[in-house]
Amino acid sequence: MDAIEFLQEEHQKAKRAFETLLAAPPAERGALWRELKPELKAHEKIEEQCLYGPIARDGASDPALSEWVSDRHQDEVYEVEGLLEETDGLDPEDGRWLATVRQIRSALENHIRQEEQDIFPRIGQLWDRTRLEEAGRAMRQGKPEKAGRRG
């Protein structure tokens, strides 16, 4: 599985997890969030280490990809990180917590849409199959450790 396939699979898992979380009774949301939140953070770290970091170091010949990697992606990460921090001070049974989680979901859905429709195809043109496969292997190896789990 190459890096793009790996990330698309992770995106689908996150979407399903948000659906489950937002449909859950208020008393169950906290436990579900404690599982999802570290997964979201791990995803970002792996994405940065294995995909966007190397692209930034190599220098992309595609101006739109360069702009995404150097500016836009990081701005979106900061936005979501701020919202993740907001959830720390809120009760998962409170409406404000739910509204914040909905904001996170919306921001991530926009981010995913941009990546899958525009950025991933550009990366597929920049990197050959071997490079994508190597990045995918690194992502698979890094994911369990980054999420605080083994196996």
N, C-alpha and C. Protein backbone atom coordinates (compact mmCIF):
# COMPACT_ATOMS: atom_id res chain seq x y z
N MET A 1 0.85 -1.18 0.00
CA MET A 1 0.00 0.00 0.00
C MET A 1 0.89 1.23 0.00
N ASP A 2 0.66 2.12 -0.95
CA ASP A 2 1.49 3.31 -1.00
C ASP A 2 0.95 4.38 -0.03
N ALA A 3 1.69 5.47 0.08
CA ALA A 3 1.36 6.53 1.04
C ALA A 3 -0.02 7.11 0.80
N ILE A 4 -0.37 7.34 -0.44
CA ILE A 4 -1.67 7.94 -0.75
C ILE A 4 -2.79 6.97 -0.39
N GLU A 5 -2.63 5.71 -0.74
CA GLU A 5 -3.64 4.71 -0.38
C GLU A 5 -3.79 4.59 1.13
N PHE A 6 -2.66 4.62 1.83
CA PHE A 6 -2.68 4.54 3.29
C PHE A 6 -3.46 5.71 3.88
N LEU A 7 -3.16 6.92 3.41
CA LEU A 7 -3.83 8.10 3.95
C LEU A 7 -5.32 8.12 3.61
N GLN A 8 -5.67 7.68 2.42
CA GLN A 8 -7.09 7.61 2.06
C GLN A 8 -7.83 6.62 2.96
N GLU A 9 -7.19 5.51 3.28
CA GLU A 9 -7.80 4.54 4.19
C GLU A 9 -7.97 5.15 5.58
N GLU A 10 -6.95 5.87 6.03
CA GLU A 10 -7.02 6.54 7.33
C GLU A 10 -8.13 7.59 7.35
N HIS A 11 -8.29 8.29 6.24
CA HIS A 11 -9.36 9.29 6.15
C HIS A 11 -10.73 8.63 6.31
N GLN A 12 -10.92 7.48 5.69
CA GLN A 12 -12.20 6.78 5.80
C GLN A 12 -12.44 6.33 7.24
N LYS A 13 -11.41 5.84 7.90
CA LYS A 13 -11.53 5.42 9.30
C LYS A 13 -11.94 6.62 10.17
N ALA A 14 -11.31 7.76 9.94
CA ALA A 14 -11.62 8.96 10.73
C ALA A 14 -13.06 9.40 10.50
N LYS A 15 -13.50 9.37 9.26
CA LYS A 15 -14.88 9.76 8.96
C LYS A 15 -15.87 8.85 9.69
N ARG A 16 -15.60 7.55 9.66
CA ARG A 16 -16.49 6.60 10.37
C ARG A 16 -16.46 6.83 11.87
N ALA A 17 -15.28 7.10 12.40
CA ALA A 17 -15.15 7.35 13.84
C ALA A 17 -15.93 8.59 14.25
N PHE A 18 -15.88 9.64 13.45
CA PHE A 18 -16.66 10.84 13.75
C PHE A 18 -18.15 10.55 13.68
N GLU A 19 -18.58 9.79 12.71
CA GLU A 19 -20.01 9.43 12.61
C GLU A 19 -20.46 8.70 13.87
N THR A 20 -19.66 7.73 14.30
CA THR A 20 -19.98 6.97 15.51
C THR A 20 -20.02 7.88 16.73
N LEU A 21 -19.01 8.72 16.85
CA LEU A 21 -18.91 9.64 17.99
C LEU A 21 -20.10 10.59 18.05
N LEU A 22 -20.43 11.20 16.94
CA LEU A 22 -21.49 12.20 16.94
C LEU A 22 -22.88 11.58 17.08
N ALA A 23 -23.01 10.30 16.77
CA ALA A 23 -24.29 9.62 16.94
C ALA A 23 -24.43 8.98 18.33
N ALA A 24 -23.34 8.94 19.07
CA ALA A 24 -23.33 8.27 20.37
C ALA A 24 -24.10 9.06 21.42
N PRO A 25 -24.65 8.37 22.40
CA PRO A 25 -25.27 9.07 23.53
C PRO A 25 -24.21 9.91 24.26
N PRO A 26 -24.59 11.03 24.83
CA PRO A 26 -23.62 11.91 25.50
C PRO A 26 -22.71 11.20 26.49
N ALA A 27 -23.21 10.24 27.22
CA ALA A 27 -22.40 9.55 28.23
C ALA A 27 -21.29 8.70 27.61
N GLU A 28 -21.39 8.36 26.34
CA GLU A 28 -20.38 7.52 25.67
C GLU A 28 -19.37 8.33 24.88
N ARG A 29 -19.62 9.60 24.68
CA ARG A 29 -18.76 10.42 23.81
C ARG A 29 -17.34 10.55 24.33
N GLY A 30 -17.18 10.70 25.63
CA GLY A 30 -15.84 10.89 26.19
C GLY A 30 -14.92 9.72 25.88
N ALA A 31 -15.40 8.51 26.06
CA ALA A 31 -14.59 7.32 25.79
C ALA A 31 -14.24 7.22 24.31
N LEU A 32 -15.20 7.51 23.45
CA LEU A 32 -14.94 7.47 22.02
C LEU A 32 -13.92 8.54 21.62
N TRP A 33 -14.03 9.71 22.22
CA TRP A 33 -13.11 10.80 21.92
C TRP A 33 -11.69 10.47 22.38
N ARG A 34 -11.57 9.80 23.53
CA ARG A 34 -10.24 9.43 24.03
C ARG A 34 -9.56 8.42 23.09
N GLU A 35 -10.32 7.71 22.29
CA GLU A 35 -9.74 6.82 21.28
C GLU A 35 -9.41 7.58 20.00
N LEU A 36 -10.30 8.48 19.59
CA LEU A 36 -10.13 9.17 18.31
C LEU A 36 -9.07 10.26 18.35
N LYS A 37 -9.04 11.04 19.40
CA LYS A 37 -8.13 12.19 19.46
C LYS A 37 -6.67 11.81 19.24
N PRO A 38 -6.14 10.77 19.91
CA PRO A 38 -4.73 10.41 19.63
C PRO A 38 -4.52 9.90 18.20
N GLU A 39 -5.55 9.30 17.62
CA GLU A 39 -5.45 8.84 16.23
C GLU A 39 -5.31 10.04 15.29
N LEU A 40 -6.05 11.10 15.56
CA LEU A 40 -5.97 12.30 14.73
C LEU A 40 -4.57 12.92 14.82
N LYS A 41 -4.04 12.98 16.03
CA LYS A 41 -2.70 13.55 16.23
C LYS A 41 -1.65 12.68 15.56
N ALA A 42 -1.78 11.37 15.68
CA ALA A 42 -0.82 10.45 15.06
C ALA A 42 -0.85 10.59 13.54
N HIS A 43 -2.05 10.72 13.00
CA HIS A 43 -2.20 10.87 11.54
C HIS A 43 -1.40 12.09 11.06
N GLU A 44 -1.56 13.19 11.75
CA GLU A 44 -0.88 14.41 11.34
C GLU A 44 0.64 14.25 11.43
N LYS A 45 1.13 13.64 12.50
CA LYS A 45 2.57 13.47 12.65
C LYS A 45 3.13 12.58 11.54
N ILE A 46 2.45 11.50 11.24
CA ILE A 46 2.90 10.59 10.20
C ILE A 46 2.87 11.27 8.83
N GLU A 47 1.81 12.00 8.58
CA GLU A 47 1.67 12.73 7.32
C GLU A 47 2.84 13.71 7.15
N GLU A 48 3.15 14.42 8.21
CA GLU A 48 4.24 15.40 8.16
C GLU A 48 5.59 14.71 7.98
N GLN A 49 5.85 13.67 8.75
CA GLN A 49 7.15 13.01 8.70
C GLN A 49 7.39 12.26 7.40
N CYS A 50 6.38 11.63 6.88
CA CYS A 50 6.57 10.72 5.75
C CYS A 50 6.17 11.30 4.40
N LEU A 51 5.41 12.39 4.39
CA LEU A 51 4.93 12.92 3.12
C LEU A 51 5.30 14.39 2.95
N TYR A 52 4.67 15.26 3.74
CA TYR A 52 4.87 16.69 3.52
C TYR A 52 6.25 17.18 3.89
N GLY A 53 6.85 16.63 4.92
CA GLY A 53 8.22 17.01 5.27
C GLY A 53 9.20 16.69 4.14
N PRO A 54 9.21 15.44 3.64
CA PRO A 54 10.10 15.12 2.52
C PRO A 54 9.82 15.96 1.27
N ILE A 55 8.57 16.22 0.99
CA ILE A 55 8.26 17.05 -0.19
C ILE A 55 8.82 18.46 0.00
N ALA A 56 8.69 19.01 1.19
CA ALA A 56 9.23 20.35 1.46
C ALA A 56 10.76 20.35 1.34
N ARG A 57 11.40 19.31 1.86
CA ARG A 57 12.87 19.24 1.78
C ARG A 57 13.36 19.09 0.34
N ASP A 58 12.63 18.29 -0.43
CA ASP A 58 13.02 18.05 -1.83
C ASP A 58 12.72 19.25 -2.72
N GLY A 59 11.74 20.03 -2.34
CA GLY A 59 11.32 21.15 -3.16
C GLY A 59 10.45 20.67 -4.31
N ALA A 60 9.19 21.02 -4.26
CA ALA A 60 8.25 20.59 -5.29
C ALA A 60 8.28 21.56 -6.47
N SER A 61 8.29 21.02 -7.67
CA SER A 61 8.28 21.86 -8.86
C SER A 61 6.89 22.40 -9.16
N ASP A 62 5.89 21.85 -8.49
CA ASP A 62 4.50 22.26 -8.68
C ASP A 62 4.19 23.40 -7.70
N PRO A 63 3.93 24.62 -8.20
CA PRO A 63 3.68 25.76 -7.30
C PRO A 63 2.50 25.55 -6.35
N ALA A 64 1.42 24.93 -6.82
CA ALA A 64 0.27 24.70 -5.95
C ALA A 64 0.62 23.73 -4.82
N LEU A 65 1.39 22.72 -5.13
CA LEU A 65 1.82 21.76 -4.12
C LEU A 65 2.77 22.42 -3.13
N SER A 66 3.67 23.22 -3.63
CA SER A 66 4.60 23.95 -2.74
C SER A 66 3.86 24.85 -1.77
N GLU A 67 2.87 25.57 -2.28
CA GLU A 67 2.07 26.48 -1.44
C GLU A 67 1.31 25.69 -0.38
N TRP A 68 0.75 24.55 -0.76
CA TRP A 68 0.01 23.70 0.19
C TRP A 68 0.94 23.25 1.30
N VAL A 69 2.11 22.72 0.93
CA VAL A 69 3.04 22.16 1.90
C VAL A 69 3.59 23.25 2.81
N SER A 70 3.95 24.40 2.26
CA SER A 70 4.61 25.42 3.06
C SER A 70 3.65 26.28 3.88
N ASP A 71 2.43 26.45 3.42
CA ASP A 71 1.54 27.39 4.11
C ASP A 71 0.20 26.77 4.51
N ARG A 72 -0.54 26.39 3.53
CA ARG A 72 -1.94 26.03 3.74
C ARG A 72 -2.12 24.84 4.68
N HIS A 73 -1.36 23.79 4.45
CA HIS A 73 -1.47 22.59 5.28
C HIS A 73 -1.20 22.94 6.74
N GLN A 74 -0.13 23.69 6.97
CA GLN A 74 0.22 24.04 8.35
C GLN A 74 -0.84 24.92 9.00
N ASP A 75 -1.41 25.84 8.26
CA ASP A 75 -2.49 26.68 8.80
C ASP A 75 -3.67 25.82 9.24
N GLU A 76 -4.01 24.84 8.43
CA GLU A 76 -5.14 23.96 8.77
C GLU A 76 -4.81 23.09 9.97
N VAL A 77 -3.58 22.65 10.07
CA VAL A 77 -3.15 21.86 11.23
C VAL A 77 -3.28 22.70 12.50
N TYR A 78 -2.81 23.93 12.46
CA TYR A 78 -2.90 24.80 13.64
C TYR A 78 -4.36 25.04 14.05
N GLU A 79 -5.21 25.22 13.07
CA GLU A 79 -6.63 25.42 13.37
C GLU A 79 -7.20 24.21 14.12
N VAL A 80 -6.95 23.02 13.60
CA VAL A 80 -7.48 21.81 14.23
C VAL A 80 -6.83 21.57 15.59
N GLU A 81 -5.54 21.81 15.71
CA GLU A 81 -4.87 21.63 17.00
C GLU A 81 -5.48 22.54 18.06
N GLY A 82 -5.81 23.77 17.69
CA GLY A 82 -6.46 24.69 18.63
C GLY A 82 -7.81 24.17 19.07
N LEU A 83 -8.57 23.64 18.13
CA LEU A 83 -9.88 23.07 18.47
C LEU A 83 -9.74 21.83 19.34
N LEU A 84 -8.73 21.01 19.05
CA LEU A 84 -8.49 19.82 19.88
C LEU A 84 -8.20 20.24 21.32
N GLU A 85 -7.40 21.28 21.48
CA GLU A 85 -7.10 21.79 22.82
C GLU A 85 -8.35 22.30 23.53
N GLU A 86 -9.23 22.93 22.78
CA GLU A 86 -10.49 23.42 23.36
C GLU A 86 -11.30 22.29 23.99
N THR A 87 -11.27 21.13 23.36
CA THR A 87 -12.06 20.01 23.90
C THR A 87 -11.57 19.57 25.26
N ASP A 88 -10.28 19.82 25.56
CA ASP A 88 -9.72 19.39 26.85
C ASP A 88 -10.44 20.03 28.03
N GLY A 89 -10.89 21.25 27.87
CA GLY A 89 -11.52 21.96 28.96
C GLY A 89 -13.03 21.84 29.01
N LEU A 90 -13.59 20.99 28.16
CA LEU A 90 -15.04 20.86 28.07
C LEU A 90 -15.51 19.46 28.42
N ASP A 91 -16.71 19.37 28.90
CA ASP A 91 -17.34 18.09 29.24
C ASP A 91 -17.97 17.50 27.97
N PRO A 92 -17.62 16.25 27.63
CA PRO A 92 -18.18 15.63 26.43
C PRO A 92 -19.72 15.54 26.42
N GLU A 93 -20.33 15.75 27.55
CA GLU A 93 -21.80 15.72 27.60
C GLU A 93 -22.39 17.12 27.40
N ASP A 94 -21.52 18.12 27.28
CA ASP A 94 -21.93 19.51 27.12
C ASP A 94 -22.09 19.86 25.64
N GLY A 95 -23.04 20.71 25.34
CA GLY A 95 -23.28 21.14 23.97
C GLY A 95 -22.10 21.89 23.36
N ARG A 96 -21.34 22.62 24.17
CA ARG A 96 -20.17 23.34 23.65
C ARG A 96 -19.10 22.36 23.16
N TRP A 97 -18.93 21.26 23.90
CA TRP A 97 -17.98 20.23 23.48
C TRP A 97 -18.41 19.66 22.13
N LEU A 98 -19.69 19.34 22.03
CA LEU A 98 -20.22 18.77 20.80
C LEU A 98 -20.04 19.74 19.63
N ALA A 99 -20.28 21.01 19.85
CA ALA A 99 -20.11 22.01 18.80
C ALA A 99 -18.64 22.10 18.36
N THR A 100 -17.73 22.00 19.30
CA THR A 100 -16.30 22.05 18.98
C THR A 100 -15.89 20.82 18.18
N VAL A 101 -16.38 19.66 18.56
CA VAL A 101 -16.06 18.43 17.82
C VAL A 101 -16.64 18.50 16.41
N ARG A 102 -17.81 19.08 16.28
CA ARG A 102 -18.38 19.27 14.93
C ARG A 102 -17.51 20.21 14.09
N GLN A 103 -16.94 21.23 14.71
CA GLN A 103 -16.03 22.14 14.00
C GLN A 103 -14.79 21.37 13.54
N ILE A 104 -14.26 20.52 14.42
CA ILE A 104 -13.09 19.71 14.06
C ILE A 104 -13.43 18.82 12.87
N ARG A 105 -14.56 18.16 12.96
CA ARG A 105 -14.98 17.28 11.87
C ARG A 105 -15.10 18.05 10.55
N SER A 106 -15.72 19.20 10.59
CA SER A 106 -15.90 20.00 9.39
C SER A 106 -14.55 20.43 8.81
N ALA A 107 -13.65 20.90 9.67
CA ALA A 107 -12.32 21.32 9.20
C ALA A 107 -11.58 20.15 8.59
N LEU A 108 -11.68 18.98 9.22
CA LEU A 108 -10.99 17.81 8.69
C LEU A 108 -11.61 17.32 7.39
N GLU A 109 -12.92 17.41 7.27
CA GLU A 109 -13.56 17.01 6.02
C GLU A 109 -13.10 17.92 4.87
N ASN A 110 -12.98 19.20 5.12
CA ASN A 110 -12.48 20.13 4.09
C ASN A 110 -11.03 19.81 3.73
N HIS A 111 -10.24 19.54 4.75
CA HIS A 111 -8.83 19.19 4.56
C HIS A 111 -8.71 17.90 3.73
N ILE A 112 -9.47 16.90 4.08
CA ILE A 112 -9.46 15.63 3.36
C ILE A 112 -9.87 15.83 1.91
N ARG A 113 -10.90 16.58 1.70
CA ARG A 113 -11.38 16.84 0.33
C ARG A 113 -10.28 17.49 -0.50
N GLN A 114 -9.60 18.48 0.05
CA GLN A 114 -8.51 19.15 -0.67
C GLN A 114 -7.38 18.17 -0.98
N GLU A 115 -7.01 17.40 0.03
CA GLU A 115 -5.93 16.44 -0.19
C GLU A 115 -6.30 15.44 -1.28
N GLU A 116 -7.46 14.82 -1.14
CA GLU A 116 -7.81 13.73 -2.05
C GLU A 116 -8.12 14.21 -3.47
N GLN A 117 -8.67 15.40 -3.60
CA GLN A 117 -9.03 15.88 -4.94
C GLN A 117 -7.90 16.62 -5.65
N ASP A 118 -7.05 17.29 -4.90
CA ASP A 118 -6.04 18.12 -5.55
C ASP A 118 -4.60 17.73 -5.18
N ILE A 119 -4.33 17.58 -3.90
CA ILE A 119 -2.95 17.41 -3.45
C ILE A 119 -2.41 16.01 -3.75
N PHE A 120 -3.16 14.97 -3.43
CA PHE A 120 -2.67 13.61 -3.68
C PHE A 120 -2.39 13.35 -5.16
N PRO A 121 -3.24 13.79 -6.08
CA PRO A 121 -2.89 13.61 -7.49
C PRO A 121 -1.58 14.33 -7.87
N ARG A 122 -1.35 15.48 -7.28
CA ARG A 122 -0.11 16.22 -7.57
C ARG A 122 1.10 15.45 -7.02
N ILE A 123 0.95 14.88 -5.83
CA ILE A 123 2.04 14.09 -5.26
C ILE A 123 2.28 12.85 -6.12
N GLY A 124 1.21 12.25 -6.62
CA GLY A 124 1.33 11.10 -7.50
C GLY A 124 2.10 11.41 -8.79
N GLN A 125 2.06 12.66 -9.21
CA GLN A 125 2.83 13.08 -10.39
C GLN A 125 4.28 13.40 -10.02
N LEU A 126 4.49 13.85 -8.79
CA LEU A 126 5.82 14.25 -8.34
C LEU A 126 6.67 13.03 -7.97
N TRP A 127 6.08 12.10 -7.23
CA TRP A 127 6.80 10.92 -6.74
C TRP A 127 6.47 9.71 -7.60
N ASP A 128 7.48 8.88 -7.83
CA ASP A 128 7.24 7.65 -8.57
C ASP A 128 6.68 6.58 -7.62
N ARG A 129 6.31 5.46 -8.19
CA ARG A 129 5.67 4.38 -7.42
C ARG A 129 6.54 3.91 -6.26
N THR A 130 7.84 3.78 -6.50
CA THR A 130 8.76 3.31 -5.46
C THR A 130 8.77 4.26 -4.27
N ARG A 131 8.84 5.54 -4.56
CA ARG A 131 8.86 6.54 -3.47
C ARG A 131 7.54 6.53 -2.69
N LEU A 132 6.43 6.39 -3.39
CA LEU A 132 5.12 6.31 -2.71
C LEU A 132 5.03 5.06 -1.85
N GLU A 133 5.55 3.94 -2.35
CA GLU A 133 5.53 2.69 -1.59
C GLU A 133 6.40 2.80 -0.34
N GLU A 134 7.57 3.39 -0.48
CA GLU A 134 8.47 3.57 0.68
C GLU A 134 7.81 4.43 1.74
N ALA A 135 7.17 5.50 1.33
CA ALA A 135 6.48 6.38 2.28
C ALA A 135 5.31 5.64 2.93
N GLY A 136 4.60 4.83 2.17
CA GLY A 136 3.51 4.04 2.73
C GLY A 136 3.99 3.06 3.78
N ARG A 137 5.13 2.42 3.52
CA ARG A 137 5.72 1.49 4.51
C ARG A 137 6.08 2.23 5.79
N ALA A 138 6.70 3.39 5.62
CA ALA A 138 7.09 4.18 6.79
C ALA A 138 5.86 4.60 7.59
N MET A 139 4.79 4.95 6.90
CA MET A 139 3.55 5.34 7.59
C MET A 139 2.96 4.17 8.38
N ARG A 140 2.92 3.01 7.76
CA ARG A 140 2.37 1.83 8.45
C ARG A 140 3.21 1.48 9.66
N GLN A 141 4.51 1.59 9.54
CA GLN A 141 5.40 1.28 10.66
C GLN A 141 5.28 2.31 11.77
N GLY A 142 5.07 3.55 11.42
CA GLY A 142 5.01 4.61 12.41
C GLY A 142 3.67 4.77 13.10
N LYS A 143 2.61 4.32 12.48
CA LYS A 143 1.26 4.56 13.01
C LYS A 143 1.01 3.96 14.38
N PRO A 144 1.24 2.67 14.62
CA PRO A 144 0.92 2.13 15.94
C PRO A 144 1.69 2.84 17.07
N GLU A 145 2.97 3.14 16.82
CA GLU A 145 3.76 3.81 17.83
C GLU A 145 3.26 5.22 18.08
N LYS A 146 2.94 5.95 17.02
CA LYS A 146 2.49 7.33 17.16
C LYS A 146 1.15 7.42 17.88
N ALA A 147 0.30 6.42 17.70
CA ALA A 147 -1.01 6.45 18.33
C ALA A 147 -0.97 5.91 19.75
N GLY A 148 0.23 5.52 20.20
CA GLY A 148 0.34 5.03 21.56
C GLY A 148 -0.12 3.59 21.72
N ARG A 149 -0.18 2.87 20.61
CA ARG A 149 -0.60 1.47 20.64
C ARG A 149 0.49 0.62 20.04
N ARG A 150 0.38 -0.64 20.25
CA ARG A 150 1.29 -1.60 19.63
C ARG A 150 0.46 -2.54 18.77
N GLY A 151 1.04 -2.91 17.61
CA GLY A 151 0.41 -3.92 16.75
C GLY A 151 -0.61 -3.43 15.91
